[in-house]
Structures are given as structure tokens and as C-alpha cells.
Protein backbone atom coordinates (compact mmCIF):
# COMPACT_ATOMS: atom_id res chain seq x y z
CA MET A 1 4.11 -42.26 4.76
CA LEU A 2 0.37 -42.80 4.65
CA THR A 3 -1.86 -39.83 3.87
CA ASP A 4 -5.53 -39.34 3.16
CA THR A 5 -6.87 -38.14 -0.20
CA GLN A 6 -6.12 -34.51 0.78
CA GLY A 7 -2.50 -35.25 1.69
CA CYS A 8 -3.00 -35.14 5.47
CA SER A 9 -1.15 -37.60 7.70
CA THR A 10 -3.09 -40.68 8.76
CA CYS A 11 -0.80 -41.26 11.75
CA PRO A 12 -2.89 -42.80 14.59
CA PRO A 13 -2.99 -41.05 18.01
CA GLY A 14 0.06 -41.84 20.14
CA GLU A 15 2.09 -43.17 17.20
CA GLU A 16 4.76 -41.97 14.80
CA GLN A 17 5.34 -42.37 11.08
CA TYR A 18 8.40 -41.40 9.09
CA ASP A 19 9.89 -41.68 5.64
CA GLU A 20 13.52 -41.35 4.68
CA TYR A 21 14.31 -39.67 1.38
CA PHE A 22 17.16 -38.06 -0.50
CA SER A 23 16.92 -34.29 -0.92
CA PRO A 24 18.48 -33.29 -4.24
CA THR A 25 18.48 -29.65 -3.12
CA LEU A 26 20.40 -30.35 0.10
CA LYS A 27 22.24 -33.30 -1.46
CA LYS A 28 21.73 -35.49 1.60
CA ASP A 29 19.34 -37.96 3.21
CA MET A 30 16.48 -36.49 5.24
CA VAL A 31 13.55 -37.77 7.31
CA GLN A 32 9.94 -36.57 7.05
CA TYR A 33 8.48 -37.27 10.52
CA ASP A 34 4.92 -37.20 11.89
CA TYR A 35 3.74 -37.86 15.43
CA ARG A 36 0.12 -37.60 16.49
CA ALA A 37 -0.36 -36.89 20.20
CA PRO A 38 -3.02 -38.83 22.13
CA ASP A 39 -5.22 -35.69 21.94
CA GLU A 40 -4.86 -36.00 18.13
CA GLU A 41 -2.72 -32.86 17.59
CA LEU A 42 -0.18 -33.51 14.85
CA PHE A 43 3.53 -32.73 15.07
CA SER A 44 5.40 -32.84 11.77
CA CYS A 45 8.97 -31.96 10.86
CA VAL A 46 11.83 -32.61 8.48
CA ALA A 47 15.19 -33.52 10.00
CA PRO A 48 18.53 -34.96 8.90
CA ASP A 49 17.88 -38.19 10.84
CA LEU A 50 15.28 -39.97 12.98
CA GLU A 51 17.06 -39.17 16.26
CA THR A 52 16.93 -35.43 15.52
CA ALA A 53 13.26 -35.66 14.55
CA ARG A 54 12.42 -37.42 17.83
CA THR A 55 14.38 -34.79 19.78
CA LYS A 56 12.29 -32.07 18.08
CA ARG A 57 9.13 -34.02 18.95
CA ASP A 58 10.17 -34.34 22.59
CA LYS A 59 10.80 -30.59 22.79
CA TRP A 60 7.38 -29.93 21.25
CA MET A 61 5.72 -32.26 23.76
CA LEU A 62 7.49 -30.55 26.67
CA GLU A 63 6.44 -27.10 25.43
CA ARG A 64 2.82 -28.27 25.21
CA GLU A 65 2.92 -29.42 28.86
CA ILE A 66 4.24 -26.04 30.07
CA GLN A 67 1.45 -24.04 28.41
């Protein structure tokens, strides 16, 4: 996943980036997921798969609309 020199996500507004990796602690594959909303707020999570990460993102987006 692309980051700037300070380790912050460079994900463009309205887009997602993700990396799959193996967690030796959990002993399974995981996904590091970033999504930057059009207003440039960043959502980031770790999930067991891309589908779960997108579900978390969708819930986050819905909660933002309610507030």
C-alpha cells in the first residue's frame, strides 16, 4: 500500500487501497484496507478478507451519514 514519508496513506479521495499479508501472530491471511471518502476523511481497518473490510467500510459510511 502506498504511504507518504510519514507512513500516512496516500489513498486518493473516493478510492480504496488494500494489501494482503500473512499474520504470523494470528497464523492466517489478513487484509490491511484504506478508503478515503470524497471529503478526504480516511477509513482504515484490518480484516480477514476484502469482503469483510468493505462491509466495515460500508457501516462506517452509513454511520457518518446518520450523524
